[in-house]
Amino acid sequence: MSLRPQGAGPPSIYVLDYSLILS
């Protein structure tokens, strides 16, 4: 699962963390 929001900033880091946890 690769989620990459348009806002390439702090939110992206949270999304990556979430992705890893959900994975």
N, C-alpha and C. Protein backbone atom coordinates (compact mmCIF):
# COMPACT_ATOMS: atom_id res chain seq x y z
N MET A 1 0.85 -1.20 0.00
CA MET A 1 0.00 0.00 0.00
C MET A 1 0.88 1.24 0.00
N SER A 2 0.81 2.02 -1.06
CA SER A 2 1.64 3.23 -1.10
C SER A 2 0.73 4.45 -1.22
N LEU A 3 0.52 5.12 -0.09
CA LEU A 3 -0.35 6.31 -0.10
C LEU A 3 0.53 7.55 -0.11
N ARG A 4 0.37 8.38 -1.13
CA ARG A 4 1.20 9.59 -1.21
C ARG A 4 0.33 10.81 -1.48
N PRO A 5 -0.08 11.52 -0.43
CA PRO A 5 -0.91 12.71 -0.59
C PRO A 5 -0.17 13.83 -1.31
N GLN A 6 -0.92 14.75 -1.93
CA GLN A 6 -0.28 15.85 -2.66
C GLN A 6 0.61 16.67 -1.73
N GLY A 7 0.21 16.77 -0.47
CA GLY A 7 1.00 17.57 0.48
C GLY A 7 2.25 16.81 0.90
N ALA A 8 3.35 17.05 0.22
CA ALA A 8 4.59 16.33 0.56
C ALA A 8 5.26 17.00 1.75
N GLY A 9 4.83 16.62 2.95
CA GLY A 9 5.41 17.25 4.15
C GLY A 9 5.20 16.36 5.36
N PRO A 10 4.98 16.93 6.51
CA PRO A 10 4.78 16.18 7.76
C PRO A 10 3.70 15.11 7.60
N PRO A 11 2.55 15.44 6.99
CA PRO A 11 1.46 14.47 6.83
C PRO A 11 1.95 13.21 6.12
N SER A 12 2.80 13.38 5.13
CA SER A 12 3.29 12.23 4.36
C SER A 12 3.99 11.25 5.30
N ILE A 13 4.74 11.75 6.26
CA ILE A 13 5.45 10.89 7.20
C ILE A 13 4.44 10.07 7.99
N TYR A 14 3.38 10.72 8.46
CA TYR A 14 2.36 10.02 9.24
C TYR A 14 1.71 8.95 8.38
N VAL A 15 1.46 9.29 7.13
CA VAL A 15 0.82 8.32 6.22
C VAL A 15 1.71 7.11 6.05
N LEU A 16 3.00 7.33 5.90
CA LEU A 16 3.93 6.21 5.72
C LEU A 16 3.91 5.34 6.98
N ASP A 17 3.93 5.96 8.14
CA ASP A 17 3.90 5.20 9.39
C ASP A 17 2.64 4.37 9.45
N TYR A 18 1.52 4.99 9.10
CA TYR A 18 0.23 4.29 9.13
C TYR A 18 0.28 3.12 8.16
N SER A 19 0.83 3.35 6.99
CA SER A 19 0.91 2.30 5.97
C SER A 19 1.68 1.10 6.53
N LEU A 20 2.78 1.37 7.20
CA LEU A 20 3.60 0.29 7.74
C LEU A 20 2.84 -0.47 8.83
N ILE A 21 2.13 0.28 9.65
CA ILE A 21 1.37 -0.36 10.75
C ILE A 21 0.26 -1.23 10.15
N LEU A 22 -0.44 -0.68 9.16
CA LEU A 22 -1.55 -1.42 8.55
C LEU A 22 -1.02 -2.62 7.78
N SER A 23 0.14 -2.45 7.17
CA SER A 23 0.68 -3.54 6.35
C SER A 23 0.74 -4.78 7.19
